Amino acid sequence: MDEVHECPLIAALRVLIGEDPLSAPLAQVLADACARASISYDTVLAAAGPDAEELLLTAWAFKLLIPRRSAACGEWDFRLLAMRPGEIYEMPNIGRYLVKNALKTGNWEVETAVADLYRDMDEPQWRQIPELVGQLGKQAKQFTITAGGVHTACRNAGVYHRTGPLILVLKGGGILSPKLSARIAPANHHGPIYELNPSLYPDHGNPAAIT
């Protein structure tokens, strides 16, 4: 009998969702989206069948797929997760690098994906971005970080002099997005709030469990 080999991406996804029956269809959907930078609802439905909605909710919670439909602008807060024929879901840049690497190695290698992404984007300080992403996670609560937290993370990563430009760089890579809902702002806080991409922080728990 031939040995059955597990898809490397299924193994890598365990750090995010554990031993979940969704792993196989999710891996198929993410691999497809990675190759095309987006995926349609109809393709997700063909891969996941009755589990398509749960799969999309999971992928959206981890910001591995982002609904193209938007109420106002491109920030995550204004994206509308509709699950019906004709809908399109995009994969953030960092998601493509995470998935592409996991398909080769079977590991969810955040630092490698971040470094590869920003090197390919010709970011002059690409070697320091993985450390910055780690520092952002240390300053965040439930994947949310204040502008002050971003400044602290930049200082700790040795890139404090470029905080403003780096926020745009991080946004472009899909690392974070401005959080536009006023309800999440800490008491007495003034200034921007950002949401971090949960797929970069598997040790921080399942974002779907955060209410």
Foldseek 3Di string as FASTA:
>chain_A
DDDDDDQLQLLACCLAVNPDPCSVLLLVQLVVCLVVQKDWLVVLCVSQPPCSVVSVVQCLLLQQWAWPDFPPDDFSQGTDDDRDGPTMIGGFQLSSLQSVVSSVPSHRDLLVSQLVSVVVVVDVPSNLVSQLLVQLVVQDDLQKHFLVSSLVSCVVSVNNVCSPVVVVVCVNRQQKGWDDDPVVDDPPDDHIMIGGRNSSPSVNHRSVPPD
